[in-house]
Amino acid sequence: MSELEYRYASAVKGGLLFMSHVPNIAFGDRVIISDHKNQLRNGQVVMSSNELIMIQVIEGTEDLDLERTWVRFLEKPFEIALSPDVLGRVFNGIGQPKDGRPPLISTLKRNVNGAPVNPAARSYPKEFIQTGISAIDGLNSLVRGQKLPIFTGSGLTHNRLLAQIVRQAKLLGEESGFAIVFAAMGLSYSDTQYYIENFENNGVLGNVVMFINQADDPPLERLILPRAALTVAEYLAFDKDMHVLVILTDMTNYSEALREISTAKGDVPARKGYPGYLYSDLASIYERAGRIKNRHGSITMMPVVSMPSDDITHPIPDLTGYITEGQIVLARELHNQGIYPPIDISPSLSRLMKDGVGRNDTRDDHIRVANQLYAAYAKALEIRNLASIIGAEDLSDIDQHFLDFADQFEKRFIQQKENEERSIFETLNIAWDLLSILPANLLSRVTEEELAKYHRWKERSEV
């Protein structure tokens, strides 16, 4: 424990504690505050100079008596204890137990900000991860080491989708350890209970590490939480050779906490009041996913980003799209039609899909079938718009088939039950069954051999 202990803080403003003329204090250092009731509070140095130290107090500054407050500078950043026993545990944003069990006892502790990785040591993301959800596996495949965010809106079913991914995600043909790090920021009490009970009832909690920050918890804790979660993920992946899927929900809540604290510090605001360093701050989180050469483990990340007013150009989804490798977009229109999961195929994209599917990973026809589904659905949406203007009865027979394809595609491919897990082979078979609604001469993105093997148009009347 550091001997740097001081009394008589100079001022309090909101959740900030100010101290004057405290030398040699580093930005980001952890602080312990002891109040007049001898109760301890956690803090972090958020601004440091020779004249002024600004401390963000996690538990808040309410009832602090400045003349009877002791501040101890630990001369180190926030750290988290690491052990294989971390699996099956629930923590708060700074790594303290939230499940009623004792703290982890370990001599191994690491800085939650992580260690820099030499870009030359990174390995390219590849190898398919099966989520059991057709709209993701078939058209926007997740690969090991990728960052694939989910863009959602208020009231959409991303909570159910995340729980289903946690239950079902697996690597094909590999028995190596697969773990989930679930990091939630700004959750409501009901959402917190939903996730914990869902994981417990489905028997997956033992393979999950949960970090929970609820809506009424301190905003600074919300900033530390994803970094603590990723420190655990790095330990499991690169020390214990596990494949780790990190779920971060919701990065919009994280960014709003960052805006709140930056405003309190007096930082100059940029777009919509967010600090100008929002991009680099998000990148410091997202770029901790990936693979490292000569290491068996990997970190795959699926951050959730709520789009205020369903605006995909809002700064948070906009910047997230620049840093990550694609996006899964949830559509309110599909949700209003009762379709689950309401994944909007047109704007969704996995930029690394081509590196994780094909003959040695899923099936040889996978990428061509996905391209054909995209092309056919895009054409069908154009025809659906035309039908809304001139009426479906005036469309040609071919156009009628495309309308039928669009309806069946949404009902049979995108839509699936919350407890329904489809293998990639089942997903591809459904895709071919849907493509068989269209005549073979319209399917130009698959091979003749694949048409002969999978297409069933011959069982339908000729157009």
Protein backbone atom coordinates (compact mmCIF):
# COMPACT_ATOMS: atom_id res chain seq x y z
CA MET A 1 0.00 0.00 0.00
CA SER A 2 1.30 3.42 -0.91
CA GLU A 3 2.38 5.88 1.75
CA LEU A 4 1.06 8.80 -0.31
CA GLU A 5 -1.82 9.75 1.95
CA TYR A 6 -3.18 13.26 2.19
CA ARG A 7 -5.81 15.12 4.16
CA TYR A 8 -7.83 18.22 3.41
CA ALA A 9 -9.11 17.97 -0.13
CA SER A 10 -9.61 21.47 -1.50
CA ALA A 11 -13.04 21.15 -3.17
CA VAL A 12 -15.87 18.88 -4.28
CA LYS A 13 -17.96 19.31 -7.41
CA GLY A 14 -20.46 16.67 -8.42
CA GLY A 15 -18.61 13.36 -8.31
CA LEU A 16 -15.22 15.06 -8.52
CA LEU A 17 -12.80 15.59 -5.66
CA PHE A 18 -10.07 18.23 -6.08
CA MET A 19 -6.69 18.36 -4.34
CA SER A 20 -4.02 21.01 -4.70
CA HIS A 21 -0.23 20.72 -4.89
CA VAL A 22 0.10 16.95 -4.67
CA PRO A 23 3.29 16.06 -6.60
CA ASN A 24 4.11 13.02 -8.75
CA ILE A 25 0.58 11.70 -9.24
CA ALA A 26 -0.09 9.93 -12.55
CA PHE A 27 -3.23 10.12 -14.67
CA GLY A 28 -5.37 6.99 -14.24
CA ASP A 29 -3.96 6.05 -10.82
CA ARG A 30 -6.31 4.37 -8.37
CA VAL A 31 -7.30 6.24 -5.23
CA ILE A 32 -8.85 5.15 -1.92
CA ILE A 33 -10.87 7.80 -0.06
CA SER A 34 -11.66 7.37 3.63
CA ASP A 35 -14.50 9.58 4.84
CA HIS A 36 -15.34 10.81 8.36
CA LYS A 37 -17.25 7.56 9.03
CA ASN A 38 -14.16 5.51 8.11
CA GLN A 39 -15.98 4.17 5.07
CA LEU A 40 -13.82 3.57 1.99
CA ARG A 41 -14.62 4.84 -1.49
CA ASN A 42 -12.83 4.12 -4.76
CA GLY A 43 -11.60 6.79 -7.11
CA GLN A 44 -9.43 7.39 -10.15
CA VAL A 45 -7.24 10.32 -11.11
CA VAL A 46 -8.82 11.86 -14.20
CA MET A 47 -6.62 14.95 -14.44
CA SER A 48 -3.16 15.55 -13.04
CA SER A 49 -0.81 18.51 -12.86
CA ASN A 50 1.58 19.94 -10.31
CA GLU A 51 -1.05 22.46 -9.22
CA LEU A 52 -4.27 20.41 -9.28
CA ILE A 53 -5.35 16.78 -9.01
CA MET A 54 -8.88 15.86 -10.08
CA ILE A 55 -10.29 12.58 -8.74
CA GLN A 56 -13.48 10.94 -9.99
CA VAL A 57 -15.05 9.18 -6.99
CA ILE A 58 -16.86 6.01 -8.08
CA GLU A 59 -19.28 5.92 -5.15
CA GLY A 60 -19.86 9.68 -5.40
CA THR A 61 -18.90 12.54 -3.10
CA GLU A 62 -22.14 12.84 -1.15
CA ASP A 63 -21.66 13.60 2.59
CA LEU A 64 -17.90 14.02 2.28
CA ASP A 65 -16.51 16.26 5.01
CA LEU A 66 -13.40 17.75 3.41
CA GLU A 67 -11.74 18.44 6.75
CA ARG A 68 -12.09 14.80 7.80
CA THR A 69 -11.41 13.07 4.48
CA TRP A 70 -8.21 11.12 3.88
CA VAL A 71 -7.06 10.40 0.33
CA ARG A 72 -4.56 7.63 -0.35
CA PHE A 73 -2.90 7.42 -3.77
CA LEU A 74 -2.03 3.81 -4.59
CA GLU A 75 0.43 4.79 -7.34
CA LYS A 76 -0.99 2.13 -9.64
CA PRO A 77 -4.01 1.86 -11.96
CA PHE A 78 -7.06 -0.29 -11.38
CA GLU A 79 -6.10 -3.96 -11.41
CA ILE A 80 -8.10 -7.17 -11.40
CA ALA A 81 -7.24 -10.53 -9.88
CA LEU A 82 -7.02 -13.38 -12.39
CA SER A 83 -7.57 -17.09 -11.87
CA PRO A 84 -9.26 -20.01 -13.68
CA ASP A 85 -11.93 -19.71 -10.96
CA VAL A 86 -13.15 -16.52 -12.65
CA LEU A 87 -15.52 -18.62 -14.80
CA GLY A 88 -19.04 -18.76 -13.41
CA ARG A 89 -18.61 -15.54 -11.42
CA VAL A 90 -20.50 -12.23 -11.49
CA PHE A 91 -18.61 -8.98 -10.78
CA ASN A 92 -19.27 -5.27 -10.74
CA GLY A 93 -17.40 -2.82 -12.96
CA ILE A 94 -14.18 -2.82 -10.93
CA GLY A 95 -14.01 -6.56 -10.40
CA GLN A 96 -15.67 -6.82 -6.98
CA PRO A 97 -17.97 -9.86 -6.50
CA LYS A 98 -21.63 -9.24 -7.19
CA ASP A 99 -22.80 -12.84 -6.68
CA GLY A 100 -22.49 -13.07 -2.89
CA ARG A 101 -19.36 -15.22 -3.10
CA PRO A 102 -15.90 -14.35 -1.73
CA PRO A 103 -13.43 -12.32 -3.79
CA LEU A 104 -10.95 -14.14 -6.00
CA ILE A 105 -7.72 -14.95 -4.19
CA SER A 106 -4.83 -14.78 -6.62
CA THR A 107 -1.29 -13.46 -6.70
CA LEU A 108 -1.78 -12.63 -10.39
CA LYS A 109 -3.19 -9.13 -10.92
CA ARG A 110 -3.13 -7.10 -14.10
CA ASN A 111 -3.77 -3.53 -15.15
CA VAL A 112 -7.29 -3.29 -16.60
CA ASN A 113 -5.97 -1.04 -19.39
CA GLY A 114 -4.11 -4.01 -20.85
CA ALA A 115 -0.69 -4.18 -22.45
CA PRO A 116 0.03 -2.92 -25.96
CA VAL A 117 0.28 -5.60 -28.65
CA ASN A 118 2.81 -5.26 -31.44
CA PRO A 119 0.74 -5.12 -34.66
CA ALA A 120 3.26 -7.44 -36.30
CA ALA A 121 2.42 -10.08 -33.68
CA ARG A 122 -1.27 -10.14 -34.61
CA SER A 123 -2.65 -13.03 -36.60
CA TYR A 124 -5.41 -12.56 -39.19
CA PRO A 125 -8.93 -13.47 -37.96
CA LYS A 126 -10.28 -16.69 -39.46
CA GLU A 127 -12.26 -19.85 -38.66
CA PHE A 128 -16.02 -19.94 -38.38
CA ILE A 129 -17.91 -19.50 -35.10
CA GLN A 130 -21.42 -20.97 -35.20
CA THR A 131 -24.08 -18.98 -33.35
CA GLY A 132 -26.97 -21.23 -34.42
CA ILE A 133 -28.77 -18.20 -35.91
CA SER A 134 -29.30 -18.43 -39.67
CA ALA A 135 -29.25 -14.69 -40.43
CA ILE A 136 -25.80 -14.46 -38.81
CA ASP A 137 -24.24 -17.80 -39.73
CA GLY A 138 -25.53 -17.90 -43.28
CA LEU A 139 -25.11 -14.28 -44.39
CA ASN A 140 -22.96 -12.41 -41.84
CA SER A 141 -20.71 -15.11 -40.47
CA LEU A 142 -18.70 -14.47 -37.33
CA VAL A 143 -15.07 -15.59 -37.45
CA ARG A 144 -12.58 -16.14 -34.67
CA GLY A 145 -10.79 -12.91 -33.74
CA GLN A 146 -13.36 -10.60 -35.38
CA LYS A 147 -15.11 -7.50 -34.03
CA LEU A 148 -18.74 -7.68 -35.19
CA PRO A 149 -21.08 -5.15 -33.51
CA ILE A 150 -24.86 -5.35 -33.24
CA PHE A 151 -26.66 -2.07 -34.00
CA THR A 152 -30.03 -1.94 -32.30
CA GLY A 153 -32.75 0.50 -31.30
CA SER A 154 -34.80 1.17 -28.19
CA GLY A 155 -37.28 -1.62 -27.50
CA LEU A 156 -35.81 -4.12 -29.98
CA THR A 157 -35.01 -7.68 -28.96
CA HIS A 158 -31.23 -7.50 -28.69
CA ASN A 159 -31.35 -8.85 -25.11
CA ARG A 160 -32.97 -12.08 -26.31
CA LEU A 161 -30.57 -12.28 -29.24
CA LEU A 162 -27.51 -11.87 -27.01
CA ALA A 163 -28.75 -14.53 -24.58
CA GLN A 164 -29.30 -16.91 -27.50
CA ILE A 165 -25.79 -16.27 -28.85
CA VAL A 166 -24.27 -16.91 -25.41
CA ARG A 167 -26.16 -20.21 -25.13
CA GLN A 168 -25.41 -21.47 -28.61
CA ALA A 169 -22.04 -20.09 -29.76
CA LYS A 170 -19.45 -22.80 -30.52
CA LEU A 171 -16.50 -23.67 -32.72
CA LEU A 172 -17.09 -26.40 -35.27
CA GLY A 173 -14.97 -29.52 -35.05
CA GLU A 174 -12.83 -28.33 -32.16
CA GLU A 175 -12.98 -29.43 -28.55
CA SER A 176 -10.77 -26.65 -27.17
CA GLY A 177 -12.12 -24.46 -24.38
CA PHE A 178 -14.71 -21.86 -25.38
CA ALA A 179 -15.71 -19.20 -22.87
CA ILE A 180 -17.97 -16.13 -22.81
CA VAL A 181 -17.11 -12.81 -21.14
CA PHE A 182 -20.36 -10.88 -20.77
CA ALA A 183 -19.91 -7.19 -19.95
CA ALA A 184 -23.07 -5.13 -19.41
CA MET A 185 -23.14 -1.37 -18.80
CA GLY A 186 -26.13 0.67 -17.65
CA LEU A 187 -28.52 -2.30 -17.42
CA SER A 188 -31.93 -2.04 -15.83
CA TYR A 189 -32.63 -4.33 -12.88
CA SER A 190 -35.04 -6.43 -14.96
CA ASP A 191 -32.48 -6.91 -17.75
CA THR A 192 -29.84 -7.90 -15.20
CA GLN A 193 -32.11 -10.56 -13.73
CA TYR A 194 -33.09 -11.75 -17.21
CA TYR A 195 -29.49 -12.46 -18.20
CA ILE A 196 -28.46 -14.11 -14.93
CA GLU A 197 -31.56 -16.32 -14.74
CA ASN A 198 -31.35 -17.19 -18.44
CA PHE A 199 -27.73 -18.32 -18.15
CA GLU A 200 -28.41 -20.22 -14.91
CA ASN A 201 -31.52 -21.98 -16.20
CA ASN A 202 -29.78 -23.04 -19.41
CA GLY A 203 -26.69 -24.35 -17.62
CA VAL A 204 -24.18 -22.03 -19.31
CA LEU A 205 -23.31 -19.72 -16.40
CA GLY A 206 -20.37 -21.95 -15.45
CA ASN A 207 -18.75 -21.07 -18.77
CA VAL A 208 -19.50 -17.33 -18.51
CA VAL A 209 -17.80 -14.47 -16.68
CA MET A 210 -20.26 -11.64 -16.07
CA PHE A 211 -19.47 -7.98 -15.35
CA ILE A 212 -22.61 -6.01 -14.49
CA ASN A 213 -23.07 -2.27 -14.10
CA GLN A 214 -26.69 -1.26 -13.55
CA ALA A 215 -28.32 2.00 -14.55
CA ASP A 216 -28.09 3.44 -11.02
CA ASP A 217 -24.43 2.44 -10.58
CA PRO A 218 -21.66 5.07 -10.88
CA PRO A 219 -20.76 6.23 -14.41
CA LEU A 220 -16.99 5.95 -13.79
CA GLU A 221 -17.48 2.25 -13.02
CA ARG A 222 -19.08 2.02 -16.47
CA LEU A 223 -15.82 3.25 -18.02
CA ILE A 224 -13.66 0.75 -16.15
CA LEU A 225 -15.96 -2.25 -16.68
CA PRO A 226 -15.20 -3.12 -20.34
CA ARG A 227 -11.49 -2.85 -19.67
CA ALA A 228 -11.74 -5.15 -16.64
CA ALA A 229 -13.78 -7.62 -18.70
CA LEU A 230 -11.24 -7.56 -21.54
CA THR A 231 -8.38 -8.11 -19.10
CA VAL A 232 -10.11 -11.31 -18.00
CA ALA A 233 -10.69 -12.25 -21.65
CA GLU A 234 -6.99 -11.74 -22.45
CA TYR A 235 -6.03 -13.94 -19.51
CA LEU A 236 -8.36 -16.76 -20.60
CA ALA A 237 -7.34 -16.46 -24.26
CA PHE A 238 -3.59 -15.96 -24.12
CA ASP A 239 -2.67 -17.54 -20.76
CA LYS A 240 -5.17 -20.42 -20.75
CA ASP A 241 -5.44 -20.99 -24.53
CA MET A 242 -9.20 -20.59 -24.60
CA HIS A 243 -11.34 -19.12 -27.37
CA VAL A 244 -13.27 -16.24 -25.82
CA LEU A 245 -16.36 -14.45 -27.11
CA VAL A 246 -16.74 -11.01 -25.49
CA ILE A 247 -20.21 -9.43 -25.43
CA LEU A 248 -20.23 -5.69 -24.62
CA THR A 249 -23.66 -4.19 -24.04
CA ASP A 250 -24.35 -1.33 -24.36
CA MET A 251 -21.56 0.83 -25.79
CA THR A 252 -23.97 3.76 -26.06
CA ASN A 253 -24.36 3.71 -22.26
CA TYR A 254 -20.57 3.59 -22.01
CA SER A 255 -20.19 6.57 -24.35
CA GLU A 256 -22.78 8.60 -22.48
CA ALA A 257 -20.88 7.98 -19.24
CA LEU A 258 -17.72 9.14 -21.01
CA ARG A 259 -19.52 12.30 -22.15
CA GLU A 260 -20.78 12.96 -18.61
CA ILE A 261 -17.33 12.68 -17.08
CA SER A 262 -15.58 14.61 -19.85
CA THR A 263 -18.08 17.45 -19.42
CA ALA A 264 -17.46 17.50 -15.67
CA LYS A 265 -13.71 17.70 -16.36
CA GLY A 266 -14.23 20.62 -18.70
CA ASP A 267 -13.13 18.88 -21.91
CA VAL A 268 -14.07 20.62 -25.15
CA PRO A 269 -17.11 18.84 -26.64
CA ALA A 270 -17.34 17.66 -30.23
CA ARG A 271 -20.28 16.04 -32.10
CA LYS A 272 -23.44 15.93 -29.95
CA GLY A 273 -21.41 16.82 -26.86
CA TYR A 274 -19.19 13.74 -26.94
CA PRO A 275 -15.49 14.38 -26.37
CA GLY A 276 -13.21 14.69 -29.38
CA TYR A 277 -11.31 11.61 -28.23
CA LEU A 278 -14.38 9.33 -28.44
CA TYR A 279 -12.95 7.55 -31.50
CA SER A 280 -9.62 6.73 -29.86
CA ASP A 281 -11.33 5.76 -26.61
CA LEU A 282 -13.63 3.29 -28.39
CA ALA A 283 -10.68 1.97 -30.40
CA SER A 284 -8.76 1.30 -27.17
CA ILE A 285 -11.55 -1.14 -26.28
CA TYR A 286 -12.41 -2.67 -29.64
CA GLU A 287 -8.81 -3.26 -30.71
CA ARG A 288 -8.19 -5.58 -27.77
CA ALA A 289 -9.99 -8.30 -29.72
CA GLY A 290 -8.07 -10.53 -32.11
CA ARG A 291 -5.51 -13.29 -32.32
CA ILE A 292 -1.78 -13.35 -31.59
CA LYS A 293 0.73 -15.42 -33.50
CA ASN A 294 1.91 -18.60 -31.78
CA ARG A 295 -0.98 -18.38 -29.29
CA HIS A 296 -3.79 -20.90 -29.52
CA GLY A 297 -6.45 -18.73 -27.88
CA SER A 298 -8.39 -15.84 -29.40
CA ILE A 299 -10.76 -13.00 -28.49
CA THR A 300 -13.84 -12.42 -30.62
CA MET A 301 -15.98 -9.40 -29.82
CA MET A 302 -19.67 -8.56 -30.34
CA PRO A 303 -20.36 -5.08 -28.93
CA VAL A 304 -23.95 -3.84 -28.84
CA VAL A 305 -24.60 -0.23 -29.89
CA SER A 306 -28.00 1.38 -29.35
CA MET A 307 -28.80 3.88 -32.08
CA PRO A 308 -30.61 6.91 -30.59
CA SER A 309 -33.78 7.47 -32.66
CA ASP A 310 -32.65 4.52 -34.85
CA ASP A 311 -30.04 6.85 -36.39
CA ILE A 312 -27.18 4.78 -37.79
CA THR A 313 -25.22 8.01 -38.49
CA HIS A 314 -25.15 8.90 -34.78
CA PRO A 315 -21.53 9.34 -33.60
CA ILE A 316 -21.38 6.09 -31.62
CA PRO A 317 -22.52 3.61 -34.33
CA ASP A 318 -20.75 5.76 -36.93
CA LEU A 319 -17.37 5.57 -35.19
CA THR A 320 -17.91 1.95 -34.21
CA GLY A 321 -18.41 1.08 -37.87
CA TYR A 322 -15.02 2.59 -38.74
CA ILE A 323 -13.19 0.55 -36.10
CA THR A 324 -14.92 -2.83 -36.41
CA GLU A 325 -15.31 -5.33 -39.25
CA GLY A 326 -18.96 -5.08 -40.18
CA GLN A 327 -22.27 -4.81 -38.34
CA ILE A 328 -25.48 -6.71 -37.60
CA VAL A 329 -28.39 -4.25 -37.85
CA LEU A 330 -31.73 -4.89 -36.15
CA ALA A 331 -34.78 -3.46 -37.96
CA ARG A 332 -37.82 -1.99 -36.27
CA GLU A 333 -39.98 -2.85 -39.29
CA LEU A 334 -39.23 -6.57 -38.94
CA HIS A 335 -39.74 -6.35 -35.18
CA ASN A 336 -43.16 -4.77 -35.69
CA GLN A 337 -44.05 -7.71 -37.95
CA GLY A 338 -43.30 -10.11 -35.09
CA ILE A 339 -40.12 -11.48 -36.69
CA TYR A 340 -37.40 -12.64 -34.31
CA PRO A 341 -34.53 -11.99 -34.59
CA PRO A 342 -35.33 -8.80 -36.54
CA ILE A 343 -32.01 -8.73 -38.42
CA ASP A 344 -32.09 -6.36 -41.37
CA ILE A 345 -30.13 -8.16 -44.08
CA SER A 346 -29.56 -5.24 -46.45
CA PRO A 347 -27.33 -3.00 -44.25
CA SER A 348 -25.79 -5.90 -42.31
CA LEU A 349 -22.31 -7.01 -43.26
CA SER A 350 -19.46 -9.19 -42.06
CA ARG A 351 -16.28 -8.01 -43.78
CA LEU A 352 -14.30 -11.09 -42.69
CA MET A 353 -16.93 -13.68 -43.60
CA LYS A 354 -14.98 -14.83 -46.67
CA ASP A 355 -12.06 -15.81 -44.43
CA GLY A 356 -14.12 -18.07 -42.18
CA VAL A 357 -16.40 -20.02 -44.52
CA GLY A 358 -15.96 -22.43 -47.40
CA ARG A 359 -14.81 -25.97 -48.01
CA ASN A 360 -12.58 -26.41 -44.98
CA ASP A 361 -14.72 -24.42 -42.55
CA THR A 362 -18.42 -24.76 -43.39
CA ARG A 363 -19.44 -25.97 -46.86
CA ASP A 364 -18.00 -25.27 -50.30
CA ASP A 365 -21.13 -23.49 -51.55
CA HIS A 366 -21.54 -21.20 -48.51
CA ILE A 367 -20.19 -17.89 -49.83
CA ARG A 368 -21.90 -18.25 -53.22
CA VAL A 369 -25.24 -19.14 -51.60
CA ALA A 370 -24.93 -16.08 -49.34
CA ASN A 371 -24.22 -13.83 -52.33
CA GLN A 372 -27.20 -15.30 -54.18
CA LEU A 373 -29.52 -14.76 -51.21
CA TYR A 374 -28.41 -11.13 -50.93
CA ALA A 375 -28.96 -10.55 -54.65
CA ALA A 376 -32.35 -12.25 -54.73
CA TYR A 377 -33.61 -10.48 -51.60
CA ALA A 378 -32.43 -7.07 -52.89
CA LYS A 379 -34.30 -7.70 -56.16
CA ALA A 380 -37.37 -8.86 -54.23
CA LEU A 381 -37.41 -5.68 -52.11
CA GLU A 382 -37.36 -3.57 -55.28
CA ILE A 383 -40.31 -5.54 -56.64
CA ARG A 384 -42.12 -5.22 -53.30
CA ASN A 385 -41.78 -1.45 -53.51
CA LEU A 386 -43.08 -1.53 -57.08
CA ALA A 387 -46.03 -3.69 -55.99
CA SER A 388 -46.96 -1.12 -53.35
CA ILE A 389 -47.36 1.42 -56.16
CA ILE A 390 -48.97 -0.49 -59.05
CA GLY A 391 -50.44 -3.46 -57.16
CA ALA A 392 -49.17 -7.03 -56.97
CA GLU A 393 -51.74 -8.30 -59.47
CA ASP A 394 -50.06 -6.35 -62.30
CA LEU A 395 -46.65 -7.92 -61.75
CA SER A 396 -45.18 -10.56 -64.06
CA ASP A 397 -44.95 -14.21 -63.06
CA ILE A 398 -41.24 -13.86 -62.38
CA ASP A 399 -41.90 -10.85 -60.13
CA GLN A 400 -44.56 -12.86 -58.29
CA HIS A 401 -41.94 -15.53 -57.58
CA PHE A 402 -39.59 -12.89 -56.17
CA LEU A 403 -42.37 -11.60 -53.89
CA ASP A 404 -42.99 -15.15 -52.71
CA PHE A 405 -39.25 -15.56 -52.13
CA ALA A 406 -39.07 -12.39 -49.99
CA ASP A 407 -42.00 -13.45 -47.81
CA GLN A 408 -40.64 -16.96 -47.31
CA PHE A 409 -37.10 -15.68 -46.74
CA GLU A 410 -38.25 -13.47 -43.86
CA LYS A 411 -40.52 -16.14 -42.34
CA ARG A 412 -38.30 -19.20 -42.74
CA PHE A 413 -34.70 -17.97 -42.90
CA ILE A 414 -34.51 -14.76 -40.84
CA GLN A 415 -37.20 -15.78 -38.39
CA GLN A 416 -36.48 -18.62 -36.00
CA LYS A 417 -37.48 -19.56 -32.49
CA GLU A 418 -35.60 -18.23 -29.51
CA ASN A 419 -34.70 -21.77 -28.42
CA GLU A 420 -34.01 -23.03 -31.95
CA GLU A 421 -30.39 -23.77 -32.74
CA ARG A 422 -29.65 -24.38 -36.41
CA SER A 423 -26.39 -25.88 -37.60
CA ILE A 424 -24.73 -24.14 -40.55
CA PHE A 425 -25.70 -27.10 -42.72
CA GLU A 426 -29.36 -26.75 -41.77
CA THR A 427 -29.09 -23.03 -42.55
CA LEU A 428 -27.63 -23.70 -46.01
CA ASN A 429 -30.27 -26.33 -46.76
CA ILE A 430 -33.03 -23.84 -45.88
CA ALA A 431 -31.32 -21.31 -48.15
CA TRP A 432 -31.38 -23.71 -51.10
CA ASP A 433 -35.01 -24.58 -50.42
CA LEU A 434 -35.83 -20.87 -50.65
CA LEU A 435 -33.74 -20.35 -53.78
CA SER A 436 -35.73 -23.16 -55.37
CA ILE A 437 -38.70 -20.78 -55.45
CA LEU A 438 -36.83 -19.01 -58.26
CA PRO A 439 -35.97 -20.56 -61.66
CA ALA A 440 -32.38 -21.68 -62.13
CA ASN A 441 -31.71 -19.24 -64.98
CA LEU A 442 -32.10 -16.33 -62.51
CA LEU A 443 -29.50 -17.71 -60.10
CA SER A 444 -26.23 -16.47 -61.57
CA ARG A 445 -24.07 -16.43 -58.42
CA VAL A 446 -23.96 -20.18 -57.83
CA THR A 447 -22.35 -22.84 -60.03
CA GLU A 448 -24.06 -25.26 -62.41
CA GLU A 449 -22.87 -28.15 -60.26
CA GLU A 450 -24.47 -26.62 -57.16
CA LEU A 451 -27.72 -26.01 -59.02
CA ALA A 452 -27.80 -29.62 -60.15
CA LYS A 453 -27.10 -30.85 -56.61
CA TYR A 454 -29.29 -28.58 -54.47
CA HIS A 455 -31.82 -26.73 -56.64
CA ARG A 456 -35.33 -28.21 -56.73
CA TRP A 457 -37.02 -25.98 -59.33
CA LYS A 458 -37.75 -29.01 -61.48
CA GLU A 459 -40.41 -30.01 -58.95
CA ARG A 460 -42.25 -26.77 -59.62
CA SER A 461 -44.10 -25.61 -62.72
CA GLU A 462 -42.01 -23.91 -65.43
CA VAL A 463 -42.30 -20.15 -65.60
